[in-house]
Amino acid sequence: MRSKGSLICLRLLCAAAAIYLATALVGVSAHANPFPKGNAAAGKTLHDKGCVTCHNSMFPDKDGRQLYSDLFRKADSVAKLRGMIEFCNNRTKSGWFEEEIQHVGRYLNDTYYQFK
């Protein structure tokens, strides 16, 4: 039989462990990639095939990567980035499904935006 003091210590230890785990989980989710189902390599392939030609045509020097620079960037949040991907998907008639949008989002976020 345990003493009353040891039961209190056990309860405090369990409570401290629960608080630690909850804090750790919040920290992990705060730093998670906003495109968790995306694969950056697959996204780069889709981006290169479906986006680069159009983006390059927007600049005299044919360097469409400038769209992602601070000077031309329109997406300042995850929601806006996703909206731009969907806009371009519709405009180019790429026909990407949700999985492919996730891939492109992951590639763009990892490469240019670094949204958390």
Protein backbone atom coordinates (compact mmCIF):
# COMPACT_ATOMS: atom_id res chain seq x y z
CA MET A 1 0.00 0.00 0.00
CA ARG A 2 1.31 3.42 -0.95
CA SER A 3 1.42 6.30 1.44
CA LYS A 4 -0.70 9.38 0.93
CA GLY A 5 2.45 11.39 0.21
CA SER A 6 3.63 9.04 -2.53
CA LEU A 7 0.17 9.14 -4.21
CA ILE A 8 0.26 12.95 -4.22
CA CYS A 9 3.75 12.87 -5.74
CA LEU A 10 2.59 10.40 -8.39
CA ARG A 11 -0.40 12.60 -9.26
CA LEU A 12 1.81 15.69 -9.49
CA LEU A 13 4.26 13.82 -11.68
CA CYS A 14 1.45 12.67 -13.99
CA ALA A 15 0.04 16.20 -14.16
CA ALA A 16 3.47 17.63 -14.98
CA ALA A 17 3.98 15.01 -17.70
CA ALA A 18 0.57 15.82 -19.22
CA ILE A 19 1.36 19.54 -19.26
CA TYR A 20 4.78 18.89 -20.82
CA LEU A 21 3.28 16.70 -23.57
CA ALA A 22 0.52 19.20 -24.32
CA THR A 23 3.08 22.02 -24.57
CA ALA A 24 5.34 19.92 -26.80
CA LEU A 25 2.45 19.06 -29.13
CA VAL A 26 1.44 22.71 -29.44
CA GLY A 27 5.04 23.57 -30.30
CA VAL A 28 5.17 20.91 -33.01
CA SER A 29 1.92 21.99 -34.62
CA ALA A 30 2.98 25.65 -34.57
CA HIS A 31 6.00 24.77 -36.71
CA ALA A 32 4.37 22.23 -39.00
CA ASN A 33 4.44 22.75 -42.74
CA PRO A 34 1.09 24.17 -43.96
CA PHE A 35 1.13 21.63 -46.83
CA PRO A 36 1.67 18.45 -44.79
CA LYS A 37 0.52 16.06 -47.50
CA GLY A 38 2.69 17.66 -50.14
CA ASN A 39 5.87 16.29 -51.63
CA ALA A 40 8.25 19.08 -52.66
CA ALA A 41 9.97 17.04 -55.39
CA ALA A 42 6.64 16.16 -57.00
CA GLY A 43 5.59 19.80 -56.60
CA LYS A 44 8.69 21.04 -58.39
CA THR A 45 7.96 18.72 -61.32
CA LEU A 46 4.36 19.95 -61.53
CA HIS A 47 5.44 23.59 -61.14
CA ASP A 48 8.12 23.28 -63.82
CA LYS A 49 5.66 21.69 -66.23
CA GLY A 50 2.61 23.85 -65.52
CA CYS A 51 3.84 27.22 -64.29
CA VAL A 52 7.30 28.17 -65.52
CA THR A 53 6.43 29.01 -69.14
CA CYS A 54 3.66 31.39 -68.10
CA HIS A 55 5.69 32.97 -65.30
CA ASN A 56 8.71 33.45 -67.56
CA SER A 57 6.52 35.20 -70.16
CA MET A 58 5.69 37.89 -67.58
CA PHE A 59 9.24 39.25 -67.44
CA PRO A 60 11.45 40.74 -70.16
CA ASP A 61 14.43 38.70 -68.95
CA LYS A 62 12.26 35.54 -68.92
CA ASP A 63 13.01 34.82 -65.24
CA GLY A 64 9.62 33.97 -63.75
CA ARG A 65 11.13 33.18 -60.36
CA GLN A 66 10.92 36.92 -59.73
CA LEU A 67 7.22 36.39 -58.99
CA TYR A 68 8.27 34.85 -55.69
CA SER A 69 10.52 37.75 -54.67
CA ASP A 70 9.37 40.29 -52.09
CA LEU A 71 8.98 42.87 -54.85
CA PHE A 72 6.34 40.93 -56.83
CA ARG A 73 4.99 38.49 -54.23
CA LYS A 74 1.21 38.63 -53.83
CA ALA A 75 0.88 35.78 -51.35
CA ASP A 76 1.62 36.90 -47.81
CA SER A 77 -0.18 34.05 -46.08
CA VAL A 78 -0.78 30.36 -46.56
CA ALA A 79 -4.37 31.04 -47.62
CA LYS A 80 -3.26 33.50 -50.32
CA LEU A 81 -0.55 31.14 -51.56
CA ARG A 82 -3.08 28.35 -51.86
CA GLY A 83 -5.46 30.74 -53.61
CA MET A 84 -2.78 31.71 -56.13
CA ILE A 85 -2.00 28.05 -56.82
CA GLU A 86 -5.69 27.35 -57.40
CA PHE A 87 -6.03 30.47 -59.59
CA CYS A 88 -3.09 29.40 -61.76
CA ASN A 89 -4.35 25.82 -61.86
CA ASN A 90 -7.66 27.05 -63.24
CA ARG A 91 -6.13 29.61 -65.60
CA THR A 92 -3.68 27.15 -67.14
CA LYS A 93 -6.27 24.36 -67.12
CA SER A 94 -3.68 22.10 -65.49
CA GLY A 95 -6.44 20.03 -63.90
CA TRP A 96 -4.58 19.48 -60.64
CA PHE A 97 -6.37 17.65 -57.89
CA GLU A 98 -6.00 18.41 -54.17
CA GLU A 99 -2.97 16.13 -53.87
CA GLU A 100 -1.15 17.98 -56.65
CA ILE A 101 -2.05 21.37 -55.16
CA GLN A 102 -0.53 20.14 -51.90
CA HIS A 103 2.65 19.11 -53.75
CA VAL A 104 3.02 22.48 -55.49
CA GLY A 105 2.24 24.31 -52.25
CA ARG A 106 4.87 22.31 -50.40
CA TYR A 107 7.47 23.03 -53.11
CA LEU A 108 6.72 26.77 -53.20
CA ASN A 109 6.59 27.05 -49.43
CA ASP A 110 9.82 25.13 -48.88
CA THR A 111 11.63 26.98 -51.66
CA TYR A 112 10.35 30.57 -51.40
CA TYR A 113 7.81 31.34 -48.68
CA GLN A 114 8.64 29.39 -45.51
CA PHE A 115 5.18 29.87 -43.98
CA LYS A 116 4.63 27.92 -40.76
